[in-house]
Amino acid sequence: MDRHRAALNDAWTATFPDPDSMPARQVVAAPPDGGALVHADLLSWLG
């Protein structure tokens, strides 16, 4: 599961490269449903 979290972290930091304006997030490790590798619910407010 850690390697999948690393892939999500890479995508997150590529999308939000400035740590001072990077949106907060919460990660919960749990077995995904239906054989999925990662399930992510993302919410970001721009503006």
Protein backbone atom coordinates (compact mmCIF):
# COMPACT_ATOMS: atom_id res chain seq x y z
CA MET A 1 0.00 0.00 0.00
CA ASP A 2 2.94 2.35 0.63
CA ARG A 3 3.97 2.32 -3.03
CA HIS A 4 0.47 3.40 -4.02
CA ARG A 5 0.59 6.20 -1.45
CA ALA A 6 3.93 7.28 -2.97
CA ALA A 7 2.28 7.49 -6.42
CA LEU A 8 -0.48 9.67 -4.97
CA ASN A 9 2.10 11.88 -3.21
CA ASP A 10 4.02 12.32 -6.48
CA ALA A 11 0.88 13.39 -8.35
CA TRP A 12 -0.15 15.73 -5.51
CA THR A 13 3.20 17.52 -5.35
CA ALA A 14 3.36 17.77 -9.16
CA THR A 15 -0.07 19.42 -9.17
CA PHE A 16 0.69 21.67 -6.19
CA PRO A 17 4.47 22.31 -6.25
CA ASP A 18 4.43 25.25 -3.80
CA PRO A 19 4.22 23.84 -0.25
CA ASP A 20 2.98 27.21 1.05
CA SER A 21 -0.14 27.06 -1.13
CA MET A 22 -0.60 23.27 -1.24
CA PRO A 23 -4.09 22.27 -0.04
CA ALA A 24 -4.31 20.18 3.09
CA ARG A 25 -5.28 16.54 2.75
CA GLN A 26 -6.04 13.56 4.87
CA VAL A 27 -4.97 10.04 3.96
CA VAL A 28 -6.57 6.96 5.46
CA ALA A 29 -5.08 3.56 4.73
CA ALA A 30 -7.88 1.06 4.17
CA PRO A 31 -8.43 -1.86 1.82
CA PRO A 32 -10.03 -0.47 -1.36
CA ASP A 33 -13.22 -1.95 -2.78
CA GLY A 34 -13.49 -3.88 -6.04
CA GLY A 35 -9.78 -4.60 -6.49
CA ALA A 36 -8.85 -0.92 -6.92
CA LEU A 37 -5.28 0.06 -6.06
CA VAL A 38 -6.13 3.56 -4.83
CA HIS A 39 -9.34 5.36 -3.97
CA ALA A 40 -8.96 9.13 -3.60
CA ASP A 41 -11.57 11.76 -2.87
CA LEU A 42 -10.02 15.16 -3.58
CA LEU A 43 -11.46 18.60 -2.96
CA SER A 44 -9.65 21.78 -3.81
CA TRP A 45 -10.80 25.39 -3.75
CA LEU A 46 -9.14 27.65 -6.29
CA GLY A 47 -9.51 31.35 -6.04
